[in-house]
């Protein structure tokens, strides 16, 4: 009886594994279609352990077990505008879009 139970459990696990592999492949293909150059899946717990001061996956998705990590190409000038937003004129654009009421128009 224990032998049969183990075989049934293995069959269920194999089906779940196949579903997970298919989902992972679909996510990878989608990421590539968006131009992602780096793609990976990691343990949410490992992320939490490695980066305790960063926002935790569970903050966004309760009981998250995995996270998807992507890397996108960008121009070196992008770093400068992130570090110094005034270089991109973002502050001026925002001020121009906010009306006298203080509401974004």
N, C-alpha and C. Protein backbone atom coordinates (compact mmCIF):
# COMPACT_ATOMS: atom_id res chain seq x y z
N UNK A 1 0.82 -1.19 0.00
CA UNK A 1 0.00 0.00 0.00
C UNK A 1 0.86 1.26 0.00
N UNK A 2 1.91 1.28 0.80
CA UNK A 2 2.79 2.44 0.80
C UNK A 2 3.44 2.65 -0.57
N UNK A 3 3.76 1.56 -1.23
CA UNK A 3 4.38 1.64 -2.55
C UNK A 3 3.44 2.34 -3.54
N UNK A 4 2.17 1.97 -3.53
CA UNK A 4 1.19 2.57 -4.45
C UNK A 4 1.03 4.05 -4.15
N UNK A 5 0.96 4.40 -2.88
CA UNK A 5 0.82 5.80 -2.49
C UNK A 5 1.99 6.62 -3.02
N UNK A 6 3.20 6.08 -2.89
CA UNK A 6 4.38 6.78 -3.38
C UNK A 6 4.32 6.97 -4.89
N UNK A 7 3.87 5.98 -5.61
CA UNK A 7 3.77 6.10 -7.06
C UNK A 7 2.76 7.17 -7.44
N UNK A 8 1.62 7.19 -6.75
CA UNK A 8 0.61 8.20 -7.04
C UNK A 8 1.15 9.59 -6.73
N UNK A 9 1.83 9.76 -5.61
CA UNK A 9 2.40 11.05 -5.27
C UNK A 9 3.43 11.48 -6.31
N UNK A 10 4.26 10.53 -6.75
CA UNK A 10 5.26 10.86 -7.76
C UNK A 10 4.59 11.30 -9.06
N UNK A 11 3.50 10.69 -9.40
CA UNK A 11 2.77 11.10 -10.61
C UNK A 11 2.24 12.52 -10.49
N UNK A 12 1.72 12.86 -9.33
CA UNK A 12 1.22 14.22 -9.11
C UNK A 12 2.36 15.22 -9.15
N UNK A 13 3.46 14.87 -8.51
CA UNK A 13 4.61 15.77 -8.50
C UNK A 13 5.16 15.97 -9.90
N UNK A 14 5.19 14.90 -10.68
CA UNK A 14 5.69 15.01 -12.06
C UNK A 14 4.81 15.95 -12.86
N UNK A 15 3.49 15.87 -12.67
CA UNK A 15 2.57 16.76 -13.37
C UNK A 15 2.78 18.21 -12.98
N UNK A 16 2.97 18.46 -11.68
CA UNK A 16 3.22 19.82 -11.19
C UNK A 16 4.54 20.34 -11.72
N UNK A 17 5.55 19.47 -11.73
CA UNK A 17 6.85 19.88 -12.25
C UNK A 17 6.76 20.26 -13.71
N UNK A 18 6.02 19.47 -14.49
CA UNK A 18 5.86 19.75 -15.91
C UNK A 18 5.13 21.08 -16.10
N UNK A 19 4.10 21.34 -15.29
CA UNK A 19 3.38 22.61 -15.37
C UNK A 19 4.31 23.77 -15.04
N UNK A 20 5.16 23.60 -14.01
CA UNK A 20 6.09 24.65 -13.62
C UNK A 20 7.12 24.91 -14.72
N UNK A 21 7.61 23.86 -15.34
CA UNK A 21 8.58 24.01 -16.43
C UNK A 21 7.94 24.75 -17.60
N UNK A 22 6.70 24.41 -17.92
CA UNK A 22 6.00 25.07 -19.02
C UNK A 22 5.78 26.55 -18.69
N UNK A 23 5.37 26.86 -17.45
CA UNK A 23 5.16 28.25 -17.06
C UNK A 23 6.47 29.02 -17.12
N UNK A 24 7.55 28.42 -16.63
CA UNK A 24 8.85 29.08 -16.66
C UNK A 24 9.27 29.37 -18.09
N UNK A 25 9.04 28.45 -18.99
CA UNK A 25 9.39 28.66 -20.40
C UNK A 25 8.56 29.78 -21.00
N UNK A 26 7.27 29.82 -20.69
CA UNK A 26 6.40 30.89 -21.21
C UNK A 26 6.84 32.25 -20.68
N UNK A 27 7.19 32.33 -19.40
CA UNK A 27 7.67 33.59 -18.83
C UNK A 27 8.97 34.03 -19.47
N UNK A 28 9.86 33.08 -19.69
CA UNK A 28 11.14 33.39 -20.35
C UNK A 28 10.91 33.93 -21.76
N UNK A 29 10.05 33.27 -22.52
CA UNK A 29 9.75 33.71 -23.89
C UNK A 29 9.15 35.12 -23.88
N UNK A 30 8.25 35.37 -22.93
CA UNK A 30 7.62 36.70 -22.83
C UNK A 30 8.68 37.75 -22.49
N UNK A 31 9.55 37.43 -21.54
CA UNK A 31 10.61 38.37 -21.16
C UNK A 31 11.49 38.69 -22.36
N UNK A 32 11.85 37.69 -23.13
CA UNK A 32 12.67 37.92 -24.32
C UNK A 32 11.94 38.81 -25.32
N UNK A 33 10.63 38.63 -25.47
CA UNK A 33 9.87 39.44 -26.42
C UNK A 33 9.86 40.91 -26.02
N UNK A 34 10.08 41.20 -24.73
CA UNK A 34 10.13 42.58 -24.24
C UNK A 34 11.53 43.19 -24.33
N UNK A 35 12.50 42.39 -24.73
CA UNK A 35 13.86 42.89 -24.85
C UNK A 35 14.71 42.70 -23.61
N UNK A 36 14.26 41.87 -22.69
CA UNK A 36 15.01 41.60 -21.48
C UNK A 36 16.29 40.84 -21.84
N UNK A 37 17.41 41.32 -21.34
CA UNK A 37 18.68 40.66 -21.64
C UNK A 37 19.08 39.67 -20.56
N UNK A 38 18.66 39.90 -19.33
CA UNK A 38 18.95 38.99 -18.23
C UNK A 38 17.62 38.59 -17.60
N UNK A 39 17.48 37.31 -17.28
CA UNK A 39 16.24 36.81 -16.71
C UNK A 39 16.57 35.69 -15.74
N UNK A 40 15.89 35.69 -14.62
CA UNK A 40 16.09 34.60 -13.68
C UNK A 40 14.94 34.51 -12.69
N UNK A 41 14.84 33.38 -12.07
CA UNK A 41 13.85 33.14 -11.03
C UNK A 41 14.62 32.76 -9.77
N UNK A 42 14.25 33.37 -8.65
CA UNK A 42 14.96 33.12 -7.40
C UNK A 42 13.97 32.89 -6.27
N UNK A 43 14.46 32.31 -5.22
CA UNK A 43 13.67 32.08 -4.02
C UNK A 43 13.37 33.41 -3.33
N UNK A 44 12.12 33.65 -2.99
CA UNK A 44 11.76 34.86 -2.26
C UNK A 44 12.43 34.88 -0.89
N UNK A 45 12.55 33.72 -0.27
CA UNK A 45 13.19 33.65 1.04
C UNK A 45 14.68 33.96 0.94
N UNK A 46 15.33 33.45 -0.10
CA UNK A 46 16.75 33.73 -0.29
C UNK A 46 16.97 35.23 -0.51
N UNK A 47 16.07 35.86 -1.27
CA UNK A 47 16.14 37.31 -1.49
C UNK A 47 16.00 38.04 -0.16
N UNK A 48 15.01 37.65 0.63
CA UNK A 48 14.78 38.29 1.93
C UNK A 48 16.00 38.13 2.84
N UNK A 49 16.62 36.97 2.81
CA UNK A 49 17.80 36.73 3.64
C UNK A 49 18.99 37.56 3.17
N UNK A 50 19.15 37.67 1.86
CA UNK A 50 20.31 38.38 1.28
C UNK A 50 20.15 39.90 1.36
N UNK A 51 18.91 40.38 1.24
CA UNK A 51 18.66 41.82 1.19
C UNK A 51 17.60 42.22 2.22
N UNK A 52 17.90 42.10 3.51
CA UNK A 52 16.88 42.37 4.53
C UNK A 52 16.42 43.83 4.57
N UNK A 53 17.22 44.76 4.06
CA UNK A 53 16.84 46.18 4.11
C UNK A 53 16.03 46.62 2.90
N UNK A 54 15.84 45.74 1.93
CA UNK A 54 15.08 46.06 0.72
C UNK A 54 13.61 45.67 0.92
N UNK A 55 12.70 46.26 0.13
CA UNK A 55 11.29 45.83 0.22
C UNK A 55 11.19 44.32 -0.06
N UNK A 56 10.45 43.64 0.77
CA UNK A 56 10.35 42.19 0.68
C UNK A 56 9.23 41.76 -0.28
N UNK A 57 9.43 40.66 -0.99
CA UNK A 57 8.40 40.17 -1.92
C UNK A 57 7.02 40.02 -1.28
N UNK A 58 6.97 39.59 -0.02
CA UNK A 58 5.68 39.39 0.65
C UNK A 58 4.93 40.71 0.83
N UNK A 59 5.63 41.83 0.74
CA UNK A 59 4.98 43.14 0.82
C UNK A 59 4.06 43.35 -0.39
N UNK A 60 4.41 42.75 -1.50
CA UNK A 60 3.66 42.92 -2.74
C UNK A 60 2.74 41.74 -3.02
N UNK A 61 3.19 40.54 -2.69
CA UNK A 61 2.40 39.32 -2.91
C UNK A 61 2.53 38.46 -1.65
N UNK A 62 1.43 38.38 -0.90
CA UNK A 62 1.48 37.56 0.31
C UNK A 62 1.88 36.13 -0.04
N UNK A 63 2.66 35.53 0.80
CA UNK A 63 3.10 34.15 0.64
C UNK A 63 3.90 33.91 -0.65
N UNK A 64 4.56 34.94 -1.15
CA UNK A 64 5.39 34.79 -2.35
C UNK A 64 6.48 33.76 -2.06
N UNK A 65 6.69 32.85 -2.99
CA UNK A 65 7.74 31.83 -2.83
C UNK A 65 8.88 32.06 -3.80
N UNK A 66 8.61 32.75 -4.90
CA UNK A 66 9.63 32.99 -5.91
C UNK A 66 9.53 34.44 -6.38
N UNK A 67 10.64 34.93 -6.92
CA UNK A 67 10.64 36.24 -7.54
C UNK A 67 11.26 36.11 -8.93
N UNK A 68 10.84 36.98 -9.82
CA UNK A 68 11.40 37.04 -11.16
C UNK A 68 12.31 38.26 -11.22
N UNK A 69 13.52 38.05 -11.67
CA UNK A 69 14.51 39.12 -11.76
C UNK A 69 14.82 39.33 -13.23
N UNK A 70 14.78 40.59 -13.67
CA UNK A 70 15.09 40.89 -15.07
C UNK A 70 16.15 41.98 -15.16
N UNK A 71 16.85 41.98 -16.26
CA UNK A 71 17.83 43.02 -16.54
C UNK A 71 17.55 43.59 -17.91
N UNK A 72 17.43 44.91 -17.98
CA UNK A 72 17.16 45.60 -19.24
C UNK A 72 18.35 46.48 -19.60
N UNK A 73 18.63 46.59 -20.89
CA UNK A 73 19.72 47.47 -21.31
C UNK A 73 19.30 48.94 -21.16
N UNK A 74 20.26 49.78 -20.87
CA UNK A 74 19.97 51.21 -20.81
C UNK A 74 21.24 51.97 -21.18
N UNK A 75 21.05 53.21 -21.57
CA UNK A 75 22.16 54.07 -21.95
C UNK A 75 22.83 54.63 -20.69
N UNK A 76 24.13 54.89 -20.74
CA UNK A 76 24.82 55.45 -19.57
C UNK A 76 24.18 56.75 -19.06
N UNK A 77 23.61 57.53 -19.95
CA UNK A 77 22.96 58.76 -19.53
C UNK A 77 21.77 58.54 -18.63
N UNK A 78 21.19 57.36 -18.69
CA UNK A 78 20.05 57.04 -17.85
C UNK A 78 20.46 57.08 -16.38
N UNK A 79 21.63 56.58 -16.07
CA UNK A 79 22.10 56.58 -14.69
C UNK A 79 22.21 58.01 -14.18
N UNK A 80 22.72 58.91 -15.01
CA UNK A 80 22.87 60.31 -14.60
C UNK A 80 21.51 60.93 -14.30
N UNK A 81 20.50 60.62 -15.10
CA UNK A 81 19.19 61.22 -14.86
C UNK A 81 18.49 60.62 -13.65
N UNK A 82 18.81 59.39 -13.33
CA UNK A 82 18.24 58.79 -12.11
C UNK A 82 18.90 59.41 -10.89
N UNK A 83 20.20 59.59 -10.95
CA UNK A 83 20.93 60.17 -9.83
C UNK A 83 20.71 61.67 -9.70
N UNK A 84 20.46 62.33 -10.84
CA UNK A 84 20.24 63.77 -10.84
C UNK A 84 19.03 64.06 -11.74
N UNK A 85 17.81 63.97 -11.21
CA UNK A 85 16.60 64.12 -12.04
C UNK A 85 16.53 65.45 -12.77
N UNK A 86 17.19 66.47 -12.24
CA UNK A 86 17.15 67.77 -12.91
C UNK A 86 17.77 67.71 -14.31
N UNK A 87 18.66 66.74 -14.54
CA UNK A 87 19.25 66.59 -15.86
C UNK A 87 18.20 66.20 -16.91
N UNK A 88 17.19 65.51 -16.50
CA UNK A 88 16.14 65.10 -17.43
C UNK A 88 15.04 66.13 -17.53
N UNK A 89 15.09 67.18 -16.71
CA UNK A 89 14.05 68.19 -16.73
C UNK A 89 12.73 67.68 -16.15
N UNK A 90 12.77 66.63 -15.38
CA UNK A 90 11.55 66.04 -14.85
C UNK A 90 10.85 66.95 -13.85
N UNK A 91 11.64 67.62 -13.03
CA UNK A 91 11.04 68.51 -12.04
C UNK A 91 10.30 69.64 -12.74
N UNK A 92 10.90 70.21 -13.78
CA UNK A 92 10.24 71.29 -14.52
C UNK A 92 8.97 70.80 -15.19
N UNK A 93 9.02 69.60 -15.77
CA UNK A 93 7.83 69.03 -16.42
C UNK A 93 6.72 68.83 -15.41
N UNK A 94 7.05 68.32 -14.23
CA UNK A 94 6.05 68.08 -13.20
C UNK A 94 5.43 69.39 -12.73
N UNK A 95 6.26 70.40 -12.51
CA UNK A 95 5.74 71.69 -12.07
C UNK A 95 4.82 72.31 -13.12
N UNK A 96 5.13 72.13 -14.38
CA UNK A 96 4.28 72.66 -15.45
C UNK A 96 2.95 71.93 -15.55
N UNK A 97 2.91 70.67 -15.15
CA UNK A 97 1.69 69.88 -15.25
C UNK A 97 0.79 70.00 -14.03
N UNK A 98 1.30 70.54 -12.95
CA UNK A 98 0.50 70.70 -11.74
C UNK A 98 -0.12 72.09 -11.77
N UNK A 99 -1.44 72.12 -11.71
CA UNK A 99 -2.15 73.39 -11.74
C UNK A 99 -2.07 74.11 -10.42
N UNK A 100 -2.70 75.28 -10.35
CA UNK A 100 -2.68 76.09 -9.13
C UNK A 100 -3.32 75.34 -7.97
N UNK A 101 -4.22 74.43 -8.27
CA UNK A 101 -4.88 73.66 -7.21
C UNK A 101 -3.98 72.60 -6.61
N UNK A 102 -2.83 72.39 -7.22
CA UNK A 102 -1.93 71.37 -6.74
C UNK A 102 -2.25 69.99 -7.28
N UNK A 103 -3.14 69.92 -8.26
CA UNK A 103 -3.54 68.65 -8.86
C UNK A 103 -2.90 68.52 -10.22
N UNK A 104 -2.40 67.34 -10.51
CA UNK A 104 -1.79 67.06 -11.80
C UNK A 104 -2.82 67.23 -12.89
N UNK A 105 -2.52 68.06 -13.90
CA UNK A 105 -3.49 68.29 -15.00
C UNK A 105 -3.12 67.49 -16.22
